[in-house]
Amino acid sequence: HRILRDVWANEVVYVPQPFQAPTQLMTDERGRHVQTMEEYVAG
């Protein structure tokens, strides 16, 4: 049944998403970007 599960499976192609640092993904409750400490210090 493991062989047949793989043989008869639908084609699914995984497309990896580009890496984004966790600090780039940070948003506030309104969905806006949260300014990191490095961005604040650098202006």
PDB file of all heavy atoms in Angstrom:
ATOM      1  N   HIS A   1       0.825  -1.215   0.000  1.00  0.00           N
ATOM      2  CA  HIS A   1       0.000   0.000   0.000  1.00  0.00           C
ATOM      3  C   HIS A   1       0.852   1.256   0.000  1.00  0.00           C
ATOM      4  O   HIS A   1       0.441   2.304  -0.490  1.00  0.00           O
ATOM      5  CB  HIS A   1      -0.987  -0.015   1.175  1.00  0.00           C
ATOM      6  CG  HIS A   1      -0.376   0.245   2.502  1.00  0.00           C
ATOM      7  ND1 HIS A   1       0.240  -0.733   3.241  1.00  0.00           N
ATOM      8  CD2 HIS A   1      -0.285   1.383   3.217  1.00  0.00           C
ATOM      9  CE1 HIS A   1       0.685  -0.218   4.361  1.00  0.00           C
ATOM     10  NE2 HIS A   1       0.392   1.063   4.374  1.00  0.00           N
ATOM     11  N   ARG A   2       2.068   1.198   0.537  1.00  0.00           N
ATOM     12  CA  ARG A   2       2.959   2.361   0.485  1.00  0.00           C
ATOM     13  C   ARG A   2       3.455   2.610  -0.935  1.00  0.00           C
ATOM     14  O   ARG A   2       3.574   3.753  -1.367  1.00  0.00           O
ATOM     15  CB  ARG A   2       4.140   2.158   1.423  1.00  0.00           C
ATOM     16  CG  ARG A   2       3.733   2.123   2.873  1.00  0.00           C
ATOM     17  CD  ARG A   2       4.883   1.699   3.754  1.00  0.00           C
ATOM     18  NE  ARG A   2       4.413   1.361   5.061  1.00  0.00           N
ATOM     19  CZ  ARG A   2       4.460   2.167   6.109  1.00  0.00           C
ATOM     20  NH1 ARG A   2       4.967   3.357   5.981  1.00  0.00           N
ATOM     21  NH2 ARG A   2       4.009   1.786   7.281  1.00  0.00           N
ATOM     22  N   ILE A   3       3.734   1.523  -1.655  1.00  0.00           N
ATOM     23  CA  ILE A   3       4.147   1.669  -3.052  1.00  0.00           C
ATOM     24  C   ILE A   3       3.012   2.277  -3.866  1.00  0.00           C
ATOM     25  O   ILE A   3       3.215   3.237  -4.628  1.00  0.00           O
ATOM     26  CB  ILE A   3       4.564   0.304  -3.639  1.00  0.00           C
ATOM     27  CG1 ILE A   3       5.842  -0.193  -2.984  1.00  0.00           C
ATOM     28  CG2 ILE A   3       4.737   0.386  -5.151  1.00  0.00           C
ATOM     29  CD1 ILE A   3       6.205  -1.614  -3.363  1.00  0.00           C
ATOM     30  N   LEU A   4       1.806   1.744  -3.697  1.00  0.00           N
ATOM     31  CA  LEU A   4       0.673   2.237  -4.485  1.00  0.00           C
ATOM     32  C   LEU A   4       0.294   3.661  -4.111  1.00  0.00           C
ATOM     33  O   LEU A   4      -0.151   4.432  -4.959  1.00  0.00           O
ATOM     34  CB  LEU A   4      -0.528   1.310  -4.322  1.00  0.00           C
ATOM     35  CG  LEU A   4      -0.356  -0.077  -4.939  1.00  0.00           C
ATOM     36  CD1 LEU A   4      -1.656  -0.853  -4.838  1.00  0.00           C
ATOM     37  CD2 LEU A   4       0.114  -0.008  -6.365  1.00  0.00           C
ATOM     38  N   ARG A   5       0.485   4.031  -2.853  1.00  0.00           N
ATOM     39  CA  ARG A   5       0.196   5.412  -2.449  1.00  0.00           C
ATOM     40  C   ARG A   5       1.087   6.386  -3.219  1.00  0.00           C
ATOM     41  O   ARG A   5       0.639   7.430  -3.679  1.00  0.00           O
ATOM     42  CB  ARG A   5       0.410   5.563  -0.937  1.00  0.00           C
ATOM     43  CG  ARG A   5       0.130   6.965  -0.440  1.00  0.00           C
ATOM     44  CD  ARG A   5       0.377   7.074   1.027  1.00  0.00           C
ATOM     45  NE  ARG A   5       1.757   6.702   1.324  1.00  0.00           N
ATOM     46  CZ  ARG A   5       2.191   6.337   2.516  1.00  0.00           C
ATOM     47  NH1 ARG A   5       1.361   6.269   3.522  1.00  0.00           N
ATOM     48  NH2 ARG A   5       3.449   6.036   2.713  1.00  0.00           N
ATOM     49  N   ASP A   6       2.373   6.034  -3.370  1.00  0.00           N
ATOM     50  CA  ASP A   6       3.287   6.901  -4.113  1.00  0.00           C
ATOM     51  C   ASP A   6       3.047   6.836  -5.617  1.00  0.00           C
ATOM     52  O   ASP A   6       3.153   7.846  -6.312  1.00  0.00           O
ATOM     53  CB  ASP A   6       4.736   6.532  -3.807  1.00  0.00           C
ATOM     54  CG  ASP A   6       5.132   6.880  -2.382  1.00  0.00           C
ATOM     55  OD1 ASP A   6       4.447   7.728  -1.776  1.00  0.00           O
ATOM     56  OD2 ASP A   6       6.117   6.312  -1.885  1.00  0.00           O
ATOM     57  N   VAL A   7       2.740   5.655  -6.129  1.00  0.00           N
ATOM     58  CA  VAL A   7       2.527   5.507  -7.578  1.00  0.00           C
ATOM     59  C   VAL A   7       1.270   6.255  -8.020  1.00  0.00           C
ATOM     60  O   VAL A   7       1.257   6.906  -9.052  1.00  0.00           O
ATOM     61  CB  VAL A   7       2.446   4.012  -7.958  1.00  0.00           C
ATOM     62  CG1 VAL A   7       1.909   3.837  -9.361  1.00  0.00           C
ATOM     63  CG2 VAL A   7       3.810   3.364  -7.832  1.00  0.00           C
ATOM     64  N   TRP A   8       0.208   6.196  -7.231  1.00  0.00           N
ATOM     65  CA  TRP A   8      -1.068   6.790  -7.627  1.00  0.00           C
ATOM     66  C   TRP A   8      -1.284   8.191  -7.059  1.00  0.00           C
ATOM     67  O   TRP A   8      -2.366   8.752  -7.167  1.00  0.00           O
ATOM     68  CB  TRP A   8      -2.224   5.879  -7.234  1.00  0.00           C
ATOM     69  CG  TRP A   8      -2.277   4.683  -8.113  1.00  0.00           C
ATOM     70  CD1 TRP A   8      -1.705   3.482  -7.885  1.00  0.00           C
ATOM     71  CD2 TRP A   8      -2.895   4.593  -9.389  1.00  0.00           C
ATOM     72  NE1 TRP A   8      -1.937   2.635  -8.941  1.00  0.00           N
ATOM     73  CE2 TRP A   8      -2.675   3.292  -9.876  1.00  0.00           C
ATOM     74  CE3 TRP A   8      -3.621   5.485 -10.173  1.00  0.00           C
ATOM     75  CZ2 TRP A   8      -3.146   2.862 -11.103  1.00  0.00           C
ATOM     76  CZ3 TRP A   8      -4.096   5.043 -11.396  1.00  0.00           C
ATOM     77  CH2 TRP A   8      -3.863   3.754 -11.847  1.00  0.00           C
ATOM     78  N   ALA A   9      -0.266   8.792  -6.468  1.00  0.00           N
ATOM     79  CA  ALA A   9      -0.416  10.130  -5.887  1.00  0.00           C
ATOM     80  C   ALA A   9      -0.543  11.178  -6.986  1.00  0.00           C
ATOM     81  O   ALA A   9       0.009  11.043  -8.082  1.00  0.00           O
ATOM     82  CB  ALA A   9       0.790  10.454  -5.016  1.00  0.00           C
ATOM     83  N   ASN A  10      -1.291  12.231  -6.676  1.00  0.00           N
ATOM     84  CA  ASN A  10      -1.360  13.374  -7.583  1.00  0.00           C
ATOM     85  C   ASN A  10      -0.024  14.093  -7.570  1.00  0.00           C
ATOM     86  O   ASN A  10       0.719  14.056  -6.589  1.00  0.00           O
ATOM     87  CB  ASN A  10      -2.451  14.351  -7.144  1.00  0.00           C
ATOM     88  CG  ASN A  10      -3.824  13.895  -7.528  1.00  0.00           C
ATOM     89  OD1 ASN A  10      -3.995  13.165  -8.489  1.00  0.00           O
ATOM     90  ND2 ASN A  10      -4.812  14.314  -6.779  1.00  0.00           N
ATOM     91  N   GLU A  11       0.276  14.771  -8.655  1.00  0.00           N
ATOM     92  CA  GLU A  11       1.525  15.503  -8.735  1.00  0.00           C
ATOM     93  C   GLU A  11       1.417  16.778  -7.900  1.00  0.00           C
ATOM     94  O   GLU A  11       0.541  17.613  -8.110  1.00  0.00           O
ATOM     95  CB  GLU A  11       1.842  15.871 -10.183  1.00  0.00           C
ATOM     96  CG  GLU A  11       3.129  16.636 -10.319  1.00  0.00           C
ATOM     97  CD  GLU A  11       3.440  16.971 -11.756  1.00  0.00           C
ATOM     98  OE1 GLU A  11       2.505  17.137 -12.545  1.00  0.00           O
ATOM     99  OE2 GLU A  11       4.616  17.055 -12.081  1.00  0.00           O
ATOM    100  N   VAL A  12       2.307  16.903  -6.956  1.00  0.00           N
ATOM    101  CA  VAL A  12       2.385  18.103  -6.139  1.00  0.00           C
ATOM    102  C   VAL A  12       3.830  18.555  -6.167  1.00  0.00           C
ATOM    103  O   VAL A  12       4.727  17.792  -5.817  1.00  0.00           O
ATOM    104  CB  VAL A  12       1.941  17.822  -4.688  1.00  0.00           C
ATOM    105  CG1 VAL A  12       2.095  19.058  -3.840  1.00  0.00           C
ATOM    106  CG2 VAL A  12       0.507  17.336  -4.663  1.00  0.00           C
ATOM    107  N   VAL A  13       4.058  19.758  -6.595  1.00  0.00           N
ATOM    108  CA  VAL A  13       5.412  20.291  -6.674  1.00  0.00           C
ATOM    109  C   VAL A  13       5.571  21.341  -5.582  1.00  0.00           C
ATOM    110  O   VAL A  13       4.803  22.301  -5.515  1.00  0.00           O
ATOM    111  CB  VAL A  13       5.684  20.910  -8.062  1.00  0.00           C
ATOM    112  CG1 VAL A  13       7.086  21.479  -8.133  1.00  0.00           C
ATOM    113  CG2 VAL A  13       5.479  19.874  -9.144  1.00  0.00           C
ATOM    114  N   TYR A  14       6.546  21.140  -4.722  1.00  0.00           N
ATOM    115  CA  TYR A  14       6.820  22.080  -3.642  1.00  0.00           C
ATOM    116  C   TYR A  14       7.730  23.175  -4.164  1.00  0.00           C
ATOM    117  O   TYR A  14       8.801  22.895  -4.701  1.00  0.00           O
ATOM    118  CB  TYR A  14       7.479  21.368  -2.465  1.00  0.00           C
ATOM    119  CG  TYR A  14       7.965  22.309  -1.397  1.00  0.00           C
ATOM    120  CD1 TYR A  14       7.060  22.966  -0.576  1.00  0.00           C
ATOM    121  CD2 TYR A  14       9.310  22.547  -1.217  1.00  0.00           C
ATOM    122  CE1 TYR A  14       7.495  23.831   0.392  1.00  0.00           C
ATOM    123  CE2 TYR A  14       9.757  23.412  -0.247  1.00  0.00           C
ATOM    124  CZ  TYR A  14       8.845  24.057   0.556  1.00  0.00           C
ATOM    125  OH  TYR A  14       9.276  24.918   1.519  1.00  0.00           O
ATOM    126  N   VAL A  15       7.304  24.405  -4.013  1.00  0.00           N
ATOM    127  CA  VAL A  15       8.104  25.550  -4.423  1.00  0.00           C
ATOM    128  C   VAL A  15       8.509  26.290  -3.158  1.00  0.00           C
ATOM    129  O   VAL A  15       7.669  26.888  -2.484  1.00  0.00           O
ATOM    130  CB  VAL A  15       7.317  26.492  -5.360  1.00  0.00           C
ATOM    131  CG1 VAL A  15       8.170  27.686  -5.744  1.00  0.00           C
ATOM    132  CG2 VAL A  15       6.843  25.745  -6.575  1.00  0.00           C
ATOM    133  N   PRO A  16       9.791  26.249  -2.800  1.00  0.00           N
ATOM    134  CA  PRO A  16      10.204  26.896  -1.556  1.00  0.00           C
ATOM    135  C   PRO A  16      10.094  28.411  -1.662  1.00  0.00           C
ATOM    136  O   PRO A  16      10.335  29.002  -2.720  1.00  0.00           O
ATOM    137  CB  PRO A  16      11.654  26.455  -1.380  1.00  0.00           C
ATOM    138  CG  PRO A  16      12.109  26.067  -2.740  1.00  0.00           C
ATOM    139  CD  PRO A  16      10.896  25.590  -3.475  1.00  0.00           C
ATOM    140  N   GLN A  17       9.700  29.010  -0.570  1.00  0.00           N
ATOM    141  CA  GLN A  17       9.600  30.465  -0.517  1.00  0.00           C
ATOM    142  C   GLN A  17      10.965  31.050  -0.177  1.00  0.00           C
ATOM    143  O   GLN A  17      11.743  30.432   0.555  1.00  0.00           O
ATOM    144  CB  GLN A  17       8.582  30.884   0.542  1.00  0.00           C
ATOM    145  CG  GLN A  17       7.194  30.363   0.263  1.00  0.00           C
ATOM    146  CD  GLN A  17       6.641  30.921  -1.041  1.00  0.00           C
ATOM    147  OE1 GLN A  17       6.769  32.092  -1.338  1.00  0.00           O
ATOM    148  NE2 GLN A  17       6.054  30.040  -1.842  1.00  0.00           N
ATOM    149  N   PRO A  18      11.283  32.241  -0.686  1.00  0.00           N
ATOM    150  CA  PRO A  18      12.577  32.835  -0.347  1.00  0.00           C
ATOM    151  C   PRO A  18      12.650  33.137   1.150  1.00  0.00           C
ATOM    152  O   PRO A  18      11.647  33.461   1.786  1.00  0.00           O
ATOM    153  CB  PRO A  18      12.613  34.124  -1.174  1.00  0.00           C
ATOM    154  CG  PRO A  18      11.233  34.361  -1.622  1.00  0.00           C
ATOM    155  CD  PRO A  18      10.508  33.073  -1.582  1.00  0.00           C
ATOM    156  N   PHE A  19      13.844  32.995   1.697  1.00  0.00           N
ATOM    157  CA  PHE A  19      14.041  33.215   3.118  1.00  0.00           C
ATOM    158  C   PHE A  19      13.899  34.695   3.444  1.00  0.00           C
ATOM    159  O   PHE A  19      14.441  35.555   2.758  1.00  0.00           O
ATOM    160  CB  PHE A  19      15.430  32.727   3.547  1.00  0.00           C
ATOM    161  CG  PHE A  19      15.732  33.041   4.975  1.00  0.00           C
ATOM    162  CD1 PHE A  19      15.159  32.299   5.991  1.00  0.00           C
ATOM    163  CD2 PHE A  19      16.571  34.083   5.312  1.00  0.00           C
ATOM    164  CE1 PHE A  19      15.424  32.581   7.311  1.00  0.00           C
ATOM    165  CE2 PHE A  19      16.837  34.380   6.631  1.00  0.00           C
ATOM    166  CZ  PHE A  19      16.271  33.624   7.636  1.00  0.00           C
ATOM    167  N   GLN A  20      13.173  34.966   4.484  1.00  0.00           N
ATOM    168  CA  GLN A  20      13.092  36.321   5.023  1.00  0.00           C
ATOM    169  C   GLN A  20      13.418  36.236   6.498  1.00  0.00           C
ATOM    170  O   GLN A  20      12.936  35.338   7.199  1.00  0.00           O
ATOM    171  CB  GLN A  20      11.704  36.920   4.846  1.00  0.00           C
ATOM    172  CG  GLN A  20      11.376  37.265   3.420  1.00  0.00           C
ATOM    173  CD  GLN A  20      10.029  37.974   3.318  1.00  0.00           C
ATOM    174  OE1 GLN A  20       9.212  37.892   4.215  1.00  0.00           O
ATOM    175  NE2 GLN A  20       9.822  38.661   2.222  1.00  0.00           N
ATOM    176  N   ALA A  21      14.239  37.160   6.962  1.00  0.00           N
ATOM    177  CA  ALA A  21      14.606  37.174   8.373  1.00  0.00           C
ATOM    178  C   ALA A  21      13.353  37.397   9.209  1.00  0.00           C
ATOM    179  O   ALA A  21      12.426  38.098   8.785  1.00  0.00           O
ATOM    180  CB  ALA A  21      15.622  38.275   8.634  1.00  0.00           C
ATOM    181  N   PRO A  22      13.295  36.826  10.408  1.00  0.00           N
ATOM    182  CA  PRO A  22      12.114  37.008  11.257  1.00  0.00           C
ATOM    183  C   PRO A  22      11.807  38.474  11.555  1.00  0.00           C
ATOM    184  O   PRO A  22      10.654  38.851  11.706  1.00  0.00           O
ATOM    185  CB  PRO A  22      12.471  36.251  12.527  1.00  0.00           C
ATOM    186  CG  PRO A  22      13.486  35.256  12.114  1.00  0.00           C
ATOM    187  CD  PRO A  22      14.233  35.888  10.984  1.00  0.00           C
ATOM    188  N   THR A  23      12.842  39.314  11.605  1.00  0.00           N
ATOM    189  CA  THR A  23      12.584  40.731  11.871  1.00  0.00           C
ATOM    190  C   THR A  23      11.889  41.406  10.707  1.00  0.00           C
ATOM    191  O   THR A  23      11.197  42.399  10.890  1.00  0.00           O
ATOM    192  CB  THR A  23      13.897  41.468  12.194  1.00  0.00           C
ATOM    193  OG1 THR A  23      14.810  41.271  11.110  1.00  0.00           O
ATOM    194  CG2 THR A  23      14.506  40.950  13.471  1.00  0.00           C
ATOM    195  N   GLN A  24      12.045  40.890   9.497  1.00  0.00           N
ATOM    196  CA  GLN A  24      11.347  41.464   8.348  1.00  0.00           C
ATOM    197  C   GLN A  24       9.883  41.056   8.327  1.00  0.00           C
ATOM    198  O   GLN A  24       9.071  41.694   7.680  1.00  0.00           O
ATOM    199  CB  GLN A  24      12.003  41.028   7.048  1.00  0.00           C
ATOM    200  CG  GLN A  24      13.392  41.589   6.833  1.00  0.00           C
ATOM    201  CD  GLN A  24      14.015  41.051   5.569  1.00  0.00           C
ATOM    202  OE1 GLN A  24      13.556  40.061   5.020  1.00  0.00           O
ATOM    203  NE2 GLN A  24      15.084  41.701   5.115  1.00  0.00           N
ATOM    204  N   LEU A  25       9.551  39.986   9.011  1.00  0.00           N
ATOM    205  CA  LEU A  25       8.180  39.502   9.030  1.00  0.00           C
ATOM    206  C   LEU A  25       7.361  40.098  10.177  1.00  0.00           C
ATOM    207  O   LEU A  25       6.160  39.848  10.259  1.00  0.00           O
ATOM    208  CB  LEU A  25       8.173  37.969   9.146  1.00  0.00           C
ATOM    209  CG  LEU A  25       8.870  37.224   8.018  1.00  0.00           C
ATOM    210  CD1 LEU A  25       8.921  35.750   8.329  1.00  0.00           C
ATOM    211  CD2 LEU A  25       8.142  37.468   6.718  1.00  0.00           C
ATOM    212  N   MET A  26       7.998  40.854  11.060  1.00  0.00           N
ATOM    213  CA  MET A  26       7.302  41.395  12.229  1.00  0.00           C
ATOM    214  C   MET A  26       6.349  42.511  11.816  1.00  0.00           C
ATOM    215  O   MET A  26       6.739  43.459  11.133  1.00  0.00           O
ATOM    216  CB  MET A  26       8.311  41.931  13.255  1.00  0.00           C
ATOM    217  CG  MET A  26       9.146  40.847  13.846  1.00  0.00           C
ATOM    218  SD  MET A  26      10.374  41.332  15.085  1.00  0.00           S
ATOM    219  CE  MET A  26      10.275  43.045  15.269  1.00  0.00           C
ATOM    220  N   THR A  27       5.094  42.398  12.223  1.00  0.00           N
ATOM    221  CA  THR A  27       4.108  43.431  11.966  1.00  0.00           C
ATOM    222  C   THR A  27       3.341  43.705  13.250  1.00  0.00           C
ATOM    223  O   THR A  27       3.274  42.866  14.149  1.00  0.00           O
ATOM    224  CB  THR A  27       3.112  42.995  10.871  1.00  0.00           C
ATOM    225  OG1 THR A  27       2.487  41.790  11.276  1.00  0.00           O
ATOM    226  CG2 THR A  27       3.807  42.796   9.539  1.00  0.00           C
ATOM    227  N   ASP A  28       2.736  44.895  13.315  1.00  0.00           N
ATOM    228  CA  ASP A  28       1.906  45.211  14.471  1.00  0.00           C
ATOM    229  C   ASP A  28       0.477  44.733  14.208  1.00  0.00           C
ATOM    230  O   ASP A  28       0.200  44.039  13.224  1.00  0.00           O
ATOM    231  CB  ASP A  28       1.958  46.706  14.792  1.00  0.00           C
ATOM    232  CG  ASP A  28       1.412  47.574  13.664  1.00  0.00           C
ATOM    233  OD1 ASP A  28       0.911  47.014  12.661  1.00  0.00           O
ATOM    234  OD2 ASP A  28       1.468  48.813  13.783  1.00  0.00           O
ATOM    235  N   GLU A  29      -0.460  45.107  15.099  1.00  0.00           N
ATOM    236  CA  GLU A  29      -1.833  44.618  14.960  1.00  0.00           C
ATOM    237  C   GLU A  29      -2.530  45.142  13.707  1.00  0.00           C
ATOM    238  O   GLU A  29      -3.523  44.575  13.258  1.00  0.00           O
ATOM    239  CB  GLU A  29      -2.655  44.966  16.209  1.00  0.00           C
ATOM    240  CG  GLU A  29      -2.784  46.442  16.487  1.00  0.00           C
ATOM    241  CD  GLU A  29      -1.616  47.015  17.298  1.00  0.00           C
ATOM    242  OE1 GLU A  29      -0.751  46.273  17.752  1.00  0.00           O
ATOM    243  OE2 GLU A  29      -1.591  48.242  17.448  1.00  0.00           O
ATOM    244  N   ARG A  30      -2.035  46.221  13.106  1.00  0.00           N
ATOM    245  CA  ARG A  30      -2.633  46.761  11.881  1.00  0.00           C
ATOM    246  C   ARG A  30      -1.951  46.227  10.621  1.00  0.00           C
ATOM    247  O   ARG A  30      -2.317  46.615   9.514  1.00  0.00           O
ATOM    248  CB  ARG A  30      -2.552  48.284  11.890  1.00  0.00           C
ATOM    249  CG  ARG A  30      -3.388  48.905  12.969  1.00  0.00           C
ATOM    250  CD  ARG A  30      -3.330  50.399  12.895  1.00  0.00           C
ATOM    251  NE  ARG A  30      -4.070  50.974  14.013  1.00  0.00           N
ATOM    252  CZ  ARG A  30      -3.950  52.204  14.406  1.00  0.00           C
ATOM    253  NH1 ARG A  30      -3.122  53.025  13.788  1.00  0.00           N
ATOM    254  NH2 ARG A  30      -4.647  52.636  15.425  1.00  0.00           N
ATOM    255  N   GLY A  31      -0.955  45.371  10.782  1.00  0.00           N
ATOM    256  CA  GLY A  31      -0.269  44.809   9.633  1.00  0.00           C
ATOM    257  C   GLY A  31       0.885  45.638   9.124  1.00  0.00           C
ATOM    258  O   GLY A  31       1.446  45.336   8.089  1.00  0.00           O
ATOM    259  N   ARG A  32       1.258  46.696   9.855  1.00  0.00           N
ATOM    260  CA  ARG A  32       2.386  47.530   9.442  1.00  0.00           C
ATOM    261  C   ARG A  32       3.688  46.958   9.985  1.00  0.00           C
ATOM    262  O   ARG A  32       3.706  46.278  11.000  1.00  0.00           O
ATOM    263  CB  ARG A  32       2.218  48.961   9.953  1.00  0.00           C
ATOM    264  CG  ARG A  32       1.039  49.673   9.319  1.00  0.00           C
ATOM    265  CD  ARG A  32       0.933  51.061   9.840  1.00  0.00           C
ATOM    266  NE  ARG A  32       0.789  50.978  11.308  1.00  0.00           N
ATOM    267  CZ  ARG A  32       0.529  52.003  12.087  1.00  0.00           C
ATOM    268  NH1 ARG A  32       0.385  53.198  11.584  1.00  0.00           N
ATOM    269  NH2 ARG A  32       0.407  51.848  13.383  1.00  0.00           N
ATOM    270  N   HIS A  33       4.773  47.276   9.310  1.00  0.00           N
ATOM    271  CA  HIS A  33       6.097  46.813   9.706  1.00  0.00           C
ATOM    272  C   HIS A  33       6.482  47.401  11.061  1.00  0.00           C
ATOM    273  O   HIS A  33       6.294  48.584  11.313  1.00  0.00           O
ATOM    274  CB  HIS A  33       7.121  47.239   8.645  1.00  0.00           C
ATOM    275  CG  HIS A  33       8.528  46.907   9.003  1.00  0.00           C
ATOM    276  ND1 HIS A  33       8.998  45.626   8.993  1.00  0.00           N
ATOM    277  CD2 HIS A  33       9.560  47.692   9.387  1.00  0.00           C
ATOM    278  CE1 HIS A  33      10.275  45.633   9.351  1.00  0.00           C
ATOM    279  NE2 HIS A  33      10.636  46.885   9.594  1.00  0.00           N
ATOM    280  N   VAL A  34       7.026  46.559  11.925  1.00  0.00           N
ATOM    281  CA  VAL A  34       7.510  47.008  13.228  1.00  0.00           C
ATOM    282  C   VAL A  34       8.975  47.371  13.066  1.00  0.00           C
ATOM    283  O   VAL A  34       9.776  46.585  12.575  1.00  0.00           O
ATOM    284  CB  VAL A  34       7.352  45.896  14.293  1.00  0.00           C
ATOM    285  CG1 VAL A  34       7.976  46.320  15.605  1.00  0.00           C
ATOM    286  CG2 VAL A  34       5.891  45.558  14.476  1.00  0.00           C
ATOM    287  N   GLN A  35       9.318  48.551  13.493  1.00  0.00           N
ATOM    288  CA  GLN A  35      10.685  49.034  13.351  1.00  0.00           C
ATOM    289  C   GLN A  35      11.583  48.311  14.349  1.00  0.00           C
ATOM    290  O   GLN A  35      11.302  48.246  15.539  1.00  0.00           O
ATOM    291  CB  GLN A  35      10.742  50.539  13.600  1.00  0.00           C
ATOM    292  CG  GLN A  35      12.070  51.158  13.273  1.00  0.00           C
ATOM    293  CD  GLN A  35      12.028  52.665  13.420  1.00  0.00           C
ATOM    294  OE1 GLN A  35      11.166  53.205  14.102  1.00  0.00           O
ATOM    295  NE2 GLN A  35      12.947  53.343  12.785  1.00  0.00           N
ATOM    296  N   THR A  36      12.675  47.733  13.837  1.00  0.00           N
ATOM    297  CA  THR A  36      13.606  47.026  14.704  1.00  0.00           C
ATOM    298  C   THR A  36      14.565  48.005  15.353  1.00  0.00           C
ATOM    299  O   THR A  36      14.653  49.180  14.960  1.00  0.00           O
ATOM    300  CB  THR A  36      14.406  45.984  13.904  1.00  0.00           C
ATOM    301  OG1 THR A  36      15.190  46.675  12.918  1.00  0.00           O
ATOM    302  CG2 THR A  36      13.496  44.976  13.245  1.00  0.00           C
ATOM    303  N   MET A  37      15.299  47.544  16.349  1.00  0.00           N
ATOM    304  CA  MET A  37      16.261  48.405  17.034  1.00  0.00           C
ATOM    305  C   MET A  37      17.340  48.878  16.080  1.00  0.00           C
ATOM    306  O   MET A  37      17.756  50.039  16.136  1.00  0.00           O
ATOM    307  CB  MET A  37      16.896  47.633  18.209  1.00  0.00           C
ATOM    308  CG  MET A  37      17.860  48.466  19.028  1.00  0.00           C
ATOM    309  SD  MET A  37      17.089  49.887  19.808  1.00  0.00           S
ATOM    310  CE  MET A  37      16.292  49.114  21.167  1.00  0.00           C
ATOM    311  N   GLU A  38      17.788  48.010  15.166  1.00  0.00           N
ATOM    312  CA  GLU A  38      18.816  48.413  14.206  1.00  0.00           C
ATOM    313  C   GLU A  38      18.312  49.521  13.287  1.00  0.00           C
ATOM    314  O   GLU A  38      19.038  50.465  12.973  1.00  0.00           O
ATOM    315  CB  GLU A  38      19.271  47.216  13.367  1.00  0.00           C
ATOM    316  CG  GLU A  38      20.074  46.192  14.124  1.00  0.00           C
ATOM    317  CD  GLU A  38      19.342  44.883  14.223  1.00  0.00           C
ATOM    318  OE1 GLU A  38      18.260  44.743  13.613  1.00  0.00           O
ATOM    319  OE2 GLU A  38      19.850  44.001  14.923  1.00  0.00           O
ATOM    320  N   GLU A  39      17.054  49.412  12.835  1.00  0.00           N
ATOM    321  CA  GLU A  39      16.485  50.456  11.981  1.00  0.00           C
ATOM    322  C   GLU A  39      16.327  51.758  12.754  1.00  0.00           C
ATOM    323  O   GLU A  39      16.571  52.843  12.219  1.00  0.00           O
ATOM    324  CB  GLU A  39      15.128  50.006  11.444  1.00  0.00           C
ATOM    325  CG  GLU A  39      15.206  48.875  10.449  1.00  0.00           C
ATOM    326  CD  GLU A  39      13.844  48.321  10.096  1.00  0.00           C
ATOM    327  OE1 GLU A  39      12.852  48.638  10.788  1.00  0.00           O
ATOM    328  OE2 GLU A  39      13.773  47.565   9.124  1.00  0.00           O
ATOM    329  N   TYR A  40      15.943  51.683  14.013  1.00  0.00           N
ATOM    330  CA  TYR A  40      15.760  52.891  14.826  1.00  0.00           C
ATOM    331  C   TYR A  40      17.091  53.599  15.043  1.00  0.00           C
ATOM    332  O   TYR A  40      17.204  54.818  14.898  1.00  0.00           O
ATOM    333  CB  TYR A  40      15.134  52.515  16.165  1.00  0.00           C
ATOM    334  CG  TYR A  40      14.959  53.680  17.093  1.00  0.00           C
ATOM    335  CD1 TYR A  40      13.940  54.595  16.880  1.00  0.00           C
ATOM    336  CD2 TYR A  40      15.823  53.884  18.160  1.00  0.00           C
ATOM    337  CE1 TYR A  40      13.773  55.687  17.717  1.00  0.00           C
ATOM    338  CE2 TYR A  40      15.676  54.963  18.998  1.00  0.00           C
ATOM    339  CZ  TYR A  40      14.645  55.867  18.784  1.00  0.00           C
ATOM    340  OH  TYR A  40      14.492  56.938  19.607  1.00  0.00           O
ATOM    341  N   VAL A  41      18.137  52.856  15.371  1.00  0.00           N
ATOM    342  CA  VAL A  41      19.448  53.452  15.618  1.00  0.00           C
ATOM    343  C   VAL A  41      20.019  54.018  14.331  1.00  0.00           C
ATOM    344  O   VAL A  41      20.622  55.090  14.323  1.00  0.00           O
ATOM    345  CB  VAL A  41      20.404  52.398  16.239  1.00  0.00           C
ATOM    346  CG1 VAL A  41      21.832  52.914  16.293  1.00  0.00           C
ATOM    347  CG2 VAL A  41      19.922  52.005  17.620  1.00  0.00           C
ATOM    348  N   ALA A  42      19.829  53.320  13.223  1.00  0.00           N
ATOM    349  CA  ALA A  42      20.369  53.791  11.950  1.00  0.00           C
ATOM    350  C   ALA A  42      19.544  54.931  11.373  1.00  0.00           C
ATOM    351  O   ALA A  42      19.959  55.563  10.409  1.00  0.00           O
ATOM    352  CB  ALA A  42      20.431  52.643  10.955  1.00  0.00           C
ATOM    353  N   GLY A  43      18.375  55.182  11.934  1.00  0.00           N
ATOM    354  CA  GLY A  43      17.526  56.247  11.422  1.00  0.00           C
ATOM    355  C   GLY A  43      16.726  55.850  10.213  1.00  0.00           C
ATOM    356  O   GLY A  43      16.169  56.703   9.525  1.00  0.00           O
TER     357      GLY A  43
END
